[in-house]
Amino acid sequence: MRDLLDAGDPRGDAMAARRAKEVIRELYTHTDEDLAKQWIDQLVESMSDYDYPIEVQSLGRTLKRQKQEIVAWHSSQVSNAPTEAMNNLIKRTNRFRVCQLR
């Protein structure tokens, strides 16, 4: 897989994005709030480096904006993702109905 990525990703953008994704997944393997705060701060600082692709820089900005929510998960391990998913489904269904009525 690495050879294929190297061939199709000469600047390493896809590899950098994949590494960023894996680091963020690793962030959710523990429950320590303080460690999560430190980890996010380090990620945000690292991802703001202009050598990273714009997508990774954007991910860093998103982490910065969502820091409190991420840290809250580490203290409670509860997420509102199911509610957000249902709200998204309702919005998409409503948009579909409106388009069909036109």
PDB file of N, CA and C in Angstrom:
ATOM      1  N   MET A   1       0.829  -1.189   0.000  1.00  0.00           N
ATOM      2  CA  MET A   1       0.000   0.000   0.000  1.00  0.00           C
ATOM      3  C   MET A   1       0.875   1.255   0.000  1.00  0.00           C
ATOM      4  N   ARG A   2       1.956   1.201   0.755  1.00  0.00           N
ATOM      5  CA  ARG A   2       2.833   2.365   0.833  1.00  0.00           C
ATOM      6  C   ARG A   2       3.413   2.708  -0.543  1.00  0.00           C
ATOM      7  N   ASP A   3       3.798   1.691  -1.332  1.00  0.00           N
ATOM      8  CA  ASP A   3       4.328   1.942  -2.677  1.00  0.00           C
ATOM      9  C   ASP A   3       3.286   2.614  -3.561  1.00  0.00           C
ATOM     10  N   LEU A   4       2.043   2.166  -3.452  1.00  0.00           N
ATOM     11  CA  LEU A   4       0.970   2.773  -4.240  1.00  0.00           C
ATOM     12  C   LEU A   4       0.737   4.214  -3.814  1.00  0.00           C
ATOM     13  N   LEU A   5       0.751   4.458  -2.511  1.00  0.00           N
ATOM     14  CA  LEU A   5       0.591   5.832  -2.031  1.00  0.00           C
ATOM     15  C   LEU A   5       1.732   6.719  -2.516  1.00  0.00           C
ATOM     16  N   ASP A   6       2.941   6.203  -2.452  1.00  0.00           N
ATOM     17  CA  ASP A   6       4.089   6.986  -2.914  1.00  0.00           C
ATOM     18  C   ASP A   6       3.952   7.333  -4.395  1.00  0.00           C
ATOM     19  N   ALA A   7       3.482   6.385  -5.181  1.00  0.00           N
ATOM     20  CA  ALA A   7       3.340   6.614  -6.619  1.00  0.00           C
ATOM     21  C   ALA A   7       2.247   7.636  -6.920  1.00  0.00           C
ATOM     22  N   GLY A   8       1.132   7.562  -6.194  1.00  0.00           N
ATOM     23  CA  GLY A   8       0.010   8.464  -6.459  1.00  0.00           C
ATOM     24  C   GLY A   8      -0.025   9.691  -5.581  1.00  0.00           C
ATOM     25  N   ASP A   9       0.921   9.810  -4.689  1.00  0.00           N
ATOM     26  CA  ASP A   9       0.934  10.905  -3.721  1.00  0.00           C
ATOM     27  C   ASP A   9       2.357  11.453  -3.588  1.00  0.00           C
ATOM     28  N   PRO A  10       2.879  12.027  -4.668  1.00  0.00           N
ATOM     29  CA  PRO A  10       4.294  12.422  -4.657  1.00  0.00           C
ATOM     30  C   PRO A  10       4.663  13.444  -3.580  1.00  0.00           C
ATOM     31  N   ARG A  11       3.732  14.313  -3.181  1.00  0.00           N
ATOM     32  CA  ARG A  11       4.037  15.311  -2.151  1.00  0.00           C
ATOM     33  C   ARG A  11       3.746  14.803  -0.748  1.00  0.00           C
ATOM     34  N   GLY A  12       3.095  13.634  -0.642  1.00  0.00           N
ATOM     35  CA  GLY A  12       2.806  13.066   0.664  1.00  0.00           C
ATOM     36  C   GLY A  12       1.558  13.612   1.331  1.00  0.00           C
ATOM     37  N   ASP A  13       0.683  14.292   0.577  1.00  0.00           N
ATOM     38  CA  ASP A  13      -0.522  14.872   1.172  1.00  0.00           C
ATOM     39  C   ASP A  13      -1.454  13.806   1.737  1.00  0.00           C
ATOM     40  N   ALA A  14      -1.702  12.746   0.968  1.00  0.00           N
ATOM     41  CA  ALA A  14      -2.603  11.680   1.441  1.00  0.00           C
ATOM     42  C   ALA A  14      -2.014  10.993   2.664  1.00  0.00           C
ATOM     43  N   MET A  15      -0.741  10.769   2.660  1.00  0.00           N
ATOM     44  CA  MET A  15      -0.090  10.118   3.806  1.00  0.00           C
ATOM     45  C   MET A  15      -0.177  11.004   5.051  1.00  0.00           C
ATOM     46  N   ALA A  16       0.004  12.308   4.884  1.00  0.00           N
ATOM     47  CA  ALA A  16      -0.101  13.230   6.025  1.00  0.00           C
ATOM     48  C   ALA A  16      -1.522  13.226   6.584  1.00  0.00           C
ATOM     49  N   ALA A  17      -2.515  13.205   5.705  1.00  0.00           N
ATOM     50  CA  ALA A  17      -3.912  13.171   6.146  1.00  0.00           C
ATOM     51  C   ALA A  17      -4.215  11.860   6.867  1.00  0.00           C
ATOM     52  N   ARG A  18      -3.694  10.770   6.354  1.00  0.00           N
ATOM     53  CA  ARG A  18      -3.908   9.464   6.985  1.00  0.00           C
ATOM     54  C   ARG A  18      -3.263   9.437   8.371  1.00  0.00           C
ATOM     55  N   ARG A  19      -2.081   9.958   8.489  1.00  0.00           N
ATOM     56  CA  ARG A  19      -1.408   9.996   9.800  1.00  0.00           C
ATOM     57  C   ARG A  19      -2.205  10.846  10.793  1.00  0.00           C
ATOM     58  N   ALA A  20      -2.696  11.992  10.324  1.00  0.00           N
ATOM     59  CA  ALA A  20      -3.499  12.870  11.191  1.00  0.00           C
ATOM     60  C   ALA A  20      -4.746  12.137  11.674  1.00  0.00           C
ATOM     61  N   LYS A  21      -5.400  11.413  10.774  1.00  0.00           N
ATOM     62  CA  LYS A  21      -6.593  10.652  11.152  1.00  0.00           C
ATOM     63  C   LYS A  21      -6.263   9.613  12.215  1.00  0.00           C
ATOM     64  N   GLU A  22      -5.162   8.916  12.036  1.00  0.00           N
ATOM     65  CA  GLU A  22      -4.777   7.874  12.992  1.00  0.00           C
ATOM     66  C   GLU A  22      -4.434   8.469  14.365  1.00  0.00           C
ATOM     67  N   VAL A  23      -3.794   9.617  14.378  1.00  0.00           N
ATOM     68  CA  VAL A  23      -3.459  10.269  15.651  1.00  0.00           C
ATOM     69  C   VAL A  23      -4.735  10.688  16.378  1.00  0.00           C
ATOM     70  N   ILE A  24      -5.699  11.190  15.641  1.00  0.00           N
ATOM     71  CA  ILE A  24      -6.959  11.608  16.266  1.00  0.00           C
ATOM     72  C   ILE A  24      -7.724  10.390  16.782  1.00  0.00           C
ATOM     73  N   ARG A  25      -7.709   9.302  16.021  1.00  0.00           N
ATOM     74  CA  ARG A  25      -8.352   8.072  16.519  1.00  0.00           C
ATOM     75  C   ARG A  25      -7.695   7.610  17.814  1.00  0.00           C
ATOM     76  N   GLU A  26      -6.392   7.729  17.875  1.00  0.00           N
ATOM     77  CA  GLU A  26      -5.650   7.327  19.071  1.00  0.00           C
ATOM     78  C   GLU A  26      -6.047   8.198  20.274  1.00  0.00           C
ATOM     79  N   LEU A  27      -6.392   9.447  20.024  1.00  0.00           N
ATOM     80  CA  LEU A  27      -6.805  10.363  21.089  1.00  0.00           C
ATOM     81  C   LEU A  27      -7.988   9.806  21.877  1.00  0.00           C
ATOM     82  N   TYR A  28      -8.848   9.046  21.208  1.00  0.00           N
ATOM     83  CA  TYR A  28     -10.046   8.518  21.856  1.00  0.00           C
ATOM     84  C   TYR A  28      -9.833   7.172  22.540  1.00  0.00           C
ATOM     85  N   THR A  29      -8.592   6.706  22.647  1.00  0.00           N
ATOM     86  CA  THR A  29      -8.348   5.416  23.294  1.00  0.00           C
ATOM     87  C   THR A  29      -8.125   5.539  24.798  1.00  0.00           C
ATOM     88  N   HIS A  30      -8.142   6.749  25.316  1.00  0.00           N
ATOM     89  CA  HIS A  30      -7.955   6.932  26.755  1.00  0.00           C
ATOM     90  C   HIS A  30      -9.038   7.850  27.302  1.00  0.00           C
ATOM     91  N   THR A  31      -9.116   7.979  28.618  1.00  0.00           N
ATOM     92  CA  THR A  31     -10.175   8.775  29.242  1.00  0.00           C
ATOM     93  C   THR A  31      -9.657   9.935  30.071  1.00  0.00           C
ATOM     94  N   ASP A  32      -8.387  10.212  30.024  1.00  0.00           N
ATOM     95  CA  ASP A  32      -7.776  11.265  30.835  1.00  0.00           C
ATOM     96  C   ASP A  32      -8.016  12.635  30.204  1.00  0.00           C
ATOM     97  N   GLU A  33      -8.810  13.464  30.888  1.00  0.00           N
ATOM     98  CA  GLU A  33      -9.137  14.805  30.383  1.00  0.00           C
ATOM     99  C   GLU A  33      -7.907  15.679  30.174  1.00  0.00           C
ATOM    100  N   ASP A  34      -7.046  15.718  31.158  1.00  0.00           N
ATOM    101  CA  ASP A  34      -5.860  16.577  31.073  1.00  0.00           C
ATOM    102  C   ASP A  34      -4.951  16.160  29.928  1.00  0.00           C
ATOM    103  N   LEU A  35      -4.784  14.863  29.769  1.00  0.00           N
ATOM    104  CA  LEU A  35      -3.982  14.371  28.657  1.00  0.00           C
ATOM    105  C   LEU A  35      -4.624  14.738  27.324  1.00  0.00           C
ATOM    106  N   ALA A  36      -5.948  14.647  27.249  1.00  0.00           N
ATOM    107  CA  ALA A  36      -6.659  15.013  26.023  1.00  0.00           C
ATOM    108  C   ALA A  36      -6.429  16.487  25.684  1.00  0.00           C
ATOM    109  N   LYS A  37      -6.507  17.354  26.693  1.00  0.00           N
ATOM    110  CA  LYS A  37      -6.271  18.792  26.467  1.00  0.00           C
ATOM    111  C   LYS A  37      -4.867  19.029  25.919  1.00  0.00           C
ATOM    112  N   GLN A  38      -3.881  18.406  26.543  1.00  0.00           N
ATOM    113  CA  GLN A  38      -2.501  18.573  26.091  1.00  0.00           C
ATOM    114  C   GLN A  38      -2.326  18.036  24.675  1.00  0.00           C
ATOM    115  N   TRP A  39      -2.908  16.881  24.419  1.00  0.00           N
ATOM    116  CA  TRP A  39      -2.791  16.244  23.119  1.00  0.00           C
ATOM    117  C   TRP A  39      -3.389  17.134  22.028  1.00  0.00           C
ATOM    118  N   ILE A  40      -4.580  17.668  22.292  1.00  0.00           N
ATOM    119  CA  ILE A  40      -5.235  18.538  21.306  1.00  0.00           C
ATOM    120  C   ILE A  40      -4.404  19.791  21.063  1.00  0.00           C
ATOM    121  N   ASP A  41      -3.903  20.397  22.123  1.00  0.00           N
ATOM    122  CA  ASP A  41      -3.073  21.592  21.956  1.00  0.00           C
ATOM    123  C   ASP A  41      -1.860  21.297  21.080  1.00  0.00           C
ATOM    124  N   GLN A  42      -1.221  20.158  21.314  1.00  0.00           N
ATOM    125  CA  GLN A  42      -0.048  19.788  20.508  1.00  0.00           C
ATOM    126  C   GLN A  42      -0.443  19.505  19.060  1.00  0.00           C
ATOM    127  N   LEU A  43      -1.578  18.845  18.872  1.00  0.00           N
ATOM    128  CA  LEU A  43      -2.043  18.569  17.510  1.00  0.00           C
ATOM    129  C   LEU A  43      -2.347  19.853  16.755  1.00  0.00           C
ATOM    130  N   VAL A  44      -3.045  20.762  17.426  1.00  0.00           N
ATOM    131  CA  VAL A  44      -3.410  22.043  16.782  1.00  0.00           C
ATOM    132  C   VAL A  44      -2.148  22.792  16.372  1.00  0.00           C
ATOM    133  N   GLU A  45      -1.188  22.841  17.268  1.00  0.00           N
ATOM    134  CA  GLU A  45       0.072  23.526  16.949  1.00  0.00           C
ATOM    135  C   GLU A  45       0.790  22.847  15.788  1.00  0.00           C
ATOM    136  N   SER A  46       0.874  21.541  15.838  1.00  0.00           N
ATOM    137  CA  SER A  46       1.570  20.795  14.789  1.00  0.00           C
ATOM    138  C   SER A  46       0.863  20.928  13.442  1.00  0.00           C
ATOM    139  N   MET A  47      -0.464  20.814  13.439  1.00  0.00           N
ATOM    140  CA  MET A  47      -1.220  20.841  12.182  1.00  0.00           C
ATOM    141  C   MET A  47      -1.281  22.215  11.547  1.00  0.00           C
ATOM    142  N   SER A  48      -0.916  23.239  12.291  1.00  0.00           N
ATOM    143  CA  SER A  48      -0.929  24.584  11.715  1.00  0.00           C
ATOM    144  C   SER A  48       0.325  24.858  10.882  1.00  0.00           C
ATOM    145  N   ASP A  49       1.258  23.929  10.888  1.00  0.00           N
ATOM    146  CA  ASP A  49       2.494  24.052  10.109  1.00  0.00           C
ATOM    147  C   ASP A  49       2.147  24.143   8.622  1.00  0.00           C
ATOM    148  N   TYR A  50       2.692  25.145   7.944  1.00  0.00           N
ATOM    149  CA  TYR A  50       2.373  25.366   6.535  1.00  0.00           C
ATOM    150  C   TYR A  50       2.928  24.281   5.614  1.00  0.00           C
ATOM    151  N   ASP A  51       3.761  23.399   6.135  1.00  0.00           N
ATOM    152  CA  ASP A  51       4.248  22.287   5.327  1.00  0.00           C
ATOM    153  C   ASP A  51       3.188  21.206   5.162  1.00  0.00           C
ATOM    154  N   TYR A  52       2.156  21.214   6.028  1.00  0.00           N
ATOM    155  CA  TYR A  52       1.084  20.237   5.909  1.00  0.00           C
ATOM    156  C   TYR A  52       0.096  20.660   4.830  1.00  0.00           C
ATOM    157  N   PRO A  53      -0.596  19.686   4.232  1.00  0.00           N
ATOM    158  CA  PRO A  53      -1.627  20.035   3.246  1.00  0.00           C
ATOM    159  C   PRO A  53      -2.737  20.855   3.906  1.00  0.00           C
ATOM    160  N   ILE A  54      -3.435  21.619   3.097  1.00  0.00           N
ATOM    161  CA  ILE A  54      -4.490  22.507   3.592  1.00  0.00           C
ATOM    162  C   ILE A  54      -5.567  21.734   4.347  1.00  0.00           C
ATOM    163  N   GLU A  55      -5.829  20.484   3.943  1.00  0.00           N
ATOM    164  CA  GLU A  55      -6.842  19.680   4.620  1.00  0.00           C
ATOM    165  C   GLU A  55      -6.422  19.362   6.059  1.00  0.00           C
ATOM    166  N   VAL A  56      -5.162  19.099   6.265  1.00  0.00           N
ATOM    167  CA  VAL A  56      -4.671  18.809   7.615  1.00  0.00           C
ATOM    168  C   VAL A  56      -4.684  20.092   8.449  1.00  0.00           C
ATOM    169  N   GLN A  57      -4.342  21.215   7.845  1.00  0.00           N
ATOM    170  CA  GLN A  57      -4.401  22.489   8.558  1.00  0.00           C
ATOM    171  C   GLN A  57      -5.842  22.795   8.969  1.00  0.00           C
ATOM    172  N   SER A  58      -6.780  22.511   8.065  1.00  0.00           N
ATOM    173  CA  SER A  58      -8.195  22.726   8.362  1.00  0.00           C
ATOM    174  C   SER A  58      -8.659  21.822   9.505  1.00  0.00           C
ATOM    175  N   LEU A  59      -8.190  20.587   9.510  1.00  0.00           N
ATOM    176  CA  LEU A  59      -8.508  19.667  10.596  1.00  0.00           C
ATOM    177  C   LEU A  59      -7.980  20.214  11.926  1.00  0.00           C
ATOM    178  N   GLY A  60      -6.814  20.802  11.913  1.00  0.00           N
ATOM    179  CA  GLY A  60      -6.265  21.409  13.122  1.00  0.00           C
ATOM    180  C   GLY A  60      -7.141  22.536  13.641  1.00  0.00           C
ATOM    181  N   ARG A  61      -7.654  23.359  12.717  1.00  0.00           N
ATOM    182  CA  ARG A  61      -8.548  24.454  13.136  1.00  0.00           C
ATOM    183  C   ARG A  61      -9.853  23.898  13.711  1.00  0.00           C
ATOM    184  N   THR A  62     -10.357  22.815  13.121  1.00  0.00           N
ATOM    185  CA  THR A  62     -11.576  22.183  13.630  1.00  0.00           C
ATOM    186  C   THR A  62     -11.340  21.632  15.031  1.00  0.00           C
ATOM    187  N   LEU A  63     -10.203  20.994  15.241  1.00  0.00           N
ATOM    188  CA  LEU A  63      -9.877  20.490  16.580  1.00  0.00           C
ATOM    189  C   LEU A  63      -9.840  21.631  17.592  1.00  0.00           C
ATOM    190  N   LYS A  64      -9.279  22.752  17.190  1.00  0.00           N
ATOM    191  CA  LYS A  64      -9.192  23.905  18.087  1.00  0.00           C
ATOM    192  C   LYS A  64     -10.588  24.388  18.467  1.00  0.00           C
ATOM    193  N   ARG A  65     -11.480  24.463  17.470  1.00  0.00           N
ATOM    194  CA  ARG A  65     -12.856  24.914  17.734  1.00  0.00           C
ATOM    195  C   ARG A  65     -13.624  23.909  18.601  1.00  0.00           C
ATOM    196  N   GLN A  66     -13.378  22.628  18.410  1.00  0.00           N
ATOM    197  CA  GLN A  66     -14.143  21.579  19.088  1.00  0.00           C
ATOM    198  C   GLN A  66     -13.452  21.037  20.342  1.00  0.00           C
ATOM    199  N   LYS A  67     -12.419  21.709  20.791  1.00  0.00           N
ATOM    200  CA  LYS A  67     -11.615  21.208  21.917  1.00  0.00           C
ATOM    201  C   LYS A  67     -12.475  20.896  23.135  1.00  0.00           C
ATOM    202  N   GLN A  68     -13.337  21.793  23.535  1.00  0.00           N
ATOM    203  CA  GLN A  68     -14.139  21.580  24.753  1.00  0.00           C
ATOM    204  C   GLN A  68     -15.043  20.364  24.609  1.00  0.00           C
ATOM    205  N   GLU A  69     -15.623  20.179  23.419  1.00  0.00           N
ATOM    206  CA  GLU A  69     -16.502  19.036  23.193  1.00  0.00           C
ATOM    207  C   GLU A  69     -15.714  17.728  23.251  1.00  0.00           C
ATOM    208  N   ILE A  70     -14.524  17.735  22.688  1.00  0.00           N
ATOM    209  CA  ILE A  70     -13.685  16.539  22.711  1.00  0.00           C
ATOM    210  C   ILE A  70     -13.274  16.213  24.136  1.00  0.00           C
ATOM    211  N   VAL A  71     -12.873  17.224  24.877  1.00  0.00           N
ATOM    212  CA  VAL A  71     -12.472  17.016  26.267  1.00  0.00           C
ATOM    213  C   VAL A  71     -13.674  16.540  27.090  1.00  0.00           C
ATOM    214  N   ALA A  72     -14.847  17.066  26.820  1.00  0.00           N
ATOM    215  CA  ALA A  72     -16.048  16.633  27.540  1.00  0.00           C
ATOM    216  C   ALA A  72     -16.291  15.143  27.318  1.00  0.00           C
ATOM    217  N   TRP A  73     -16.050  14.672  26.112  1.00  0.00           N
ATOM    218  CA  TRP A  73     -16.208  13.244  25.865  1.00  0.00           C
ATOM    219  C   TRP A  73     -15.260  12.442  26.747  1.00  0.00           C
ATOM    220  N   HIS A  74     -14.057  12.937  26.936  1.00  0.00           N
ATOM    221  CA  HIS A  74     -13.084  12.214  27.743  1.00  0.00           C
ATOM    222  C   HIS A  74     -13.488  12.132  29.210  1.00  0.00           C
ATOM    223  N   SER A  75     -14.302  13.049  29.678  1.00  0.00           N
ATOM    224  CA  SER A  75     -14.737  12.974  31.072  1.00  0.00           C
ATOM    225  C   SER A  75     -15.994  12.120  31.225  1.00  0.00           C
ATOM    226  N   SER A  76     -16.848  12.092  30.207  1.00  0.00           N
ATOM    227  CA  SER A  76     -18.122  11.368  30.345  1.00  0.00           C
ATOM    228  C   SER A  76     -18.244  10.160  29.425  1.00  0.00           C
ATOM    229  N   GLN A  77     -17.515  10.146  28.352  1.00  0.00           N
ATOM    230  CA  GLN A  77     -17.601   9.136  27.298  1.00  0.00           C
ATOM    231  C   GLN A  77     -19.026   8.992  26.770  1.00  0.00           C
ATOM    232  N   VAL A  78     -19.697  10.127  26.683  1.00  0.00           N
ATOM    233  CA  VAL A  78     -21.037  10.188  26.117  1.00  0.00           C
ATOM    234  C   VAL A  78     -20.993  11.176  24.963  1.00  0.00           C
ATOM    235  N   SER A  79     -21.679  10.850  23.893  1.00  0.00           N
ATOM    236  CA  SER A  79     -21.678  11.704  22.708  1.00  0.00           C
ATOM    237  C   SER A  79     -23.110  11.975  22.276  1.00  0.00           C
ATOM    238  N   ASN A  80     -23.308  13.102  21.633  1.00  0.00           N
ATOM    239  CA  ASN A  80     -24.620  13.389  21.069  1.00  0.00           C
ATOM    240  C   ASN A  80     -24.649  13.031  19.579  1.00  0.00           C
ATOM    241  N   ALA A  81     -23.710  12.212  19.137  1.00  0.00           N
ATOM    242  CA  ALA A  81     -23.642  11.823  17.719  1.00  0.00           C
ATOM    243  C   ALA A  81     -24.933  11.184  17.222  1.00  0.00           C
ATOM    244  N   PRO A  82     -25.584  10.280  17.965  1.00  0.00           N
ATOM    245  CA  PRO A  82     -26.843   9.718  17.453  1.00  0.00           C
ATOM    246  C   PRO A  82     -27.909  10.793  17.227  1.00  0.00           C
ATOM    247  N   THR A  83     -27.990  11.761  18.129  1.00  0.00           N
ATOM    248  CA  THR A  83     -28.950  12.850  17.962  1.00  0.00           C
ATOM    249  C   THR A  83     -28.612  13.691  16.740  1.00  0.00           C
ATOM    250  N   GLU A  84     -27.339  14.014  16.574  1.00  0.00           N
ATOM    251  CA  GLU A  84     -26.907  14.790  15.406  1.00  0.00           C
ATOM    252  C   GLU A  84     -27.189  14.032  14.108  1.00  0.00           C
ATOM    253  N   ALA A  85     -26.956  12.740  14.118  1.00  0.00           N
ATOM    254  CA  ALA A  85     -27.225  11.930  12.922  1.00  0.00           C
ATOM    255  C   ALA A  85     -28.718  11.957  12.587  1.00  0.00           C
ATOM    256  N   MET A  86     -29.577  11.848  13.586  1.00  0.00           N
ATOM    257  CA  MET A  86     -31.022  11.892  13.354  1.00  0.00           C
ATOM    258  C   MET A  86     -31.446  13.268  12.844  1.00  0.00           C
ATOM    259  N   ASN A  87     -30.909  14.326  13.421  1.00  0.00           N
ATOM    260  CA  ASN A  87     -31.227  15.673  12.937  1.00  0.00           C
ATOM    261  C   ASN A  87     -30.807  15.848  11.488  1.00  0.00           C
ATOM    262  N   ASN A  88     -29.623  15.340  11.135  1.00  0.00           N
ATOM    263  CA  ASN A  88     -29.148  15.429   9.761  1.00  0.00           C
ATOM    264  C   ASN A  88     -30.087  14.675   8.822  1.00  0.00           C
ATOM    265  N   LEU A  89     -30.522  13.485   9.221  1.00  0.00           N
ATOM    266  CA  LEU A  89     -31.432  12.688   8.404  1.00  0.00           C
ATOM    267  C   LEU A  89     -32.758  13.415   8.200  1.00  0.00           C
ATOM    268  N   ILE A  90     -33.273  14.033   9.249  1.00  0.00           N
ATOM    269  CA  ILE A  90     -34.528  14.791   9.139  1.00  0.00           C
ATOM    270  C   ILE A  90     -34.367  15.961   8.177  1.00  0.00           C
ATOM    271  N   LYS A  91     -33.272  16.703   8.291  1.00  0.00           N
ATOM    272  CA  LYS A  91     -33.033  17.831   7.390  1.00  0.00           C
ATOM    273  C   LYS A  91     -32.933  17.374   5.941  1.00  0.00           C
ATOM    274  N   ARG A  92     -32.200  16.285   5.713  1.00  0.00           N
ATOM    275  CA  ARG A  92     -32.045  15.783   4.343  1.00  0.00           C
ATOM    276  C   ARG A  92     -33.375  15.300   3.782  1.00  0.00           C
ATOM    277  N   THR A  93     -34.192  14.648   4.613  1.00  0.00           N
ATOM    278  CA  THR A  93     -35.509  14.181   4.172  1.00  0.00           C
ATOM    279  C   THR A  93     -36.389  15.366   3.824  1.00  0.00           C
ATOM    280  N   ASN A  94     -36.376  16.396   4.651  1.00  0.00           N
ATOM    281  CA  ASN A  94     -37.176  17.591   4.372  1.00  0.00           C
ATOM    282  C   ASN A  94     -36.732  18.274   3.084  1.00  0.00           C
ATOM    283  N   ARG A  95     -35.421  18.373   2.864  1.00  0.00           N
ATOM    284  CA  ARG A  95     -34.916  18.969   1.619  1.00  0.00           C
ATOM    285  C   ARG A  95     -35.364  18.162   0.412  1.00  0.00           C
ATOM    286  N   PHE A  96     -35.333  16.852   0.533  1.00  0.00           N
ATOM    287  CA  PHE A  96     -35.754  15.975  -0.565  1.00  0.00           C
ATOM    288  C   PHE A  96     -37.214  16.204  -0.889  1.00  0.00           C
ATOM    289  N   ARG A  97     -38.067  16.312   0.151  1.00  0.00           N
ATOM    290  CA  ARG A  97     -39.504  16.555  -0.060  1.00  0.00           C
ATOM    291  C   ARG A  97     -39.730  17.887  -0.755  1.00  0.00           C
ATOM    292  N   VAL A  98     -39.030  18.913  -0.317  1.00  0.00           N
ATOM    293  CA  VAL A  98     -39.184  20.250  -0.922  1.00  0.00           C
ATOM    294  C   VAL A  98     -38.807  20.189  -2.399  1.00  0.00           C
ATOM    295  N   CYS A  99     -37.723  19.492  -2.711  1.00  0.00           N
ATOM    296  CA  CYS A  99     -37.296  19.384  -4.109  1.00  0.00           C
ATOM    297  C   CYS A  99     -38.324  18.645  -4.944  1.00  0.00           C
ATOM    298  N   GLN A 100     -38.982  17.647  -4.391  1.00  0.00           N
ATOM    299  CA  GLN A 100     -39.972  16.893  -5.130  1.00  0.00           C
ATOM    300  C   GLN A 100     -41.235  17.708  -5.356  1.00  0.00           C
ATOM    301  N   LEU A 101     -41.548  18.635  -4.447  1.00  0.00           N
ATOM    302  CA  LEU A 101     -42.748  19.446  -4.587  1.00  0.00           C
ATOM    303  C   LEU A 101     -42.598  20.513  -5.664  1.00  0.00           C
ATOM    304  N   ARG A 102     -41.386  20.855  -5.998  1.00  0.00           N
ATOM    305  CA  ARG A 102     -41.166  21.920  -6.983  1.00  0.00           C
ATOM    306  C   ARG A 102     -41.459  21.449  -8.345  1.00  0.00           C
TER     307      ARG A 102
END
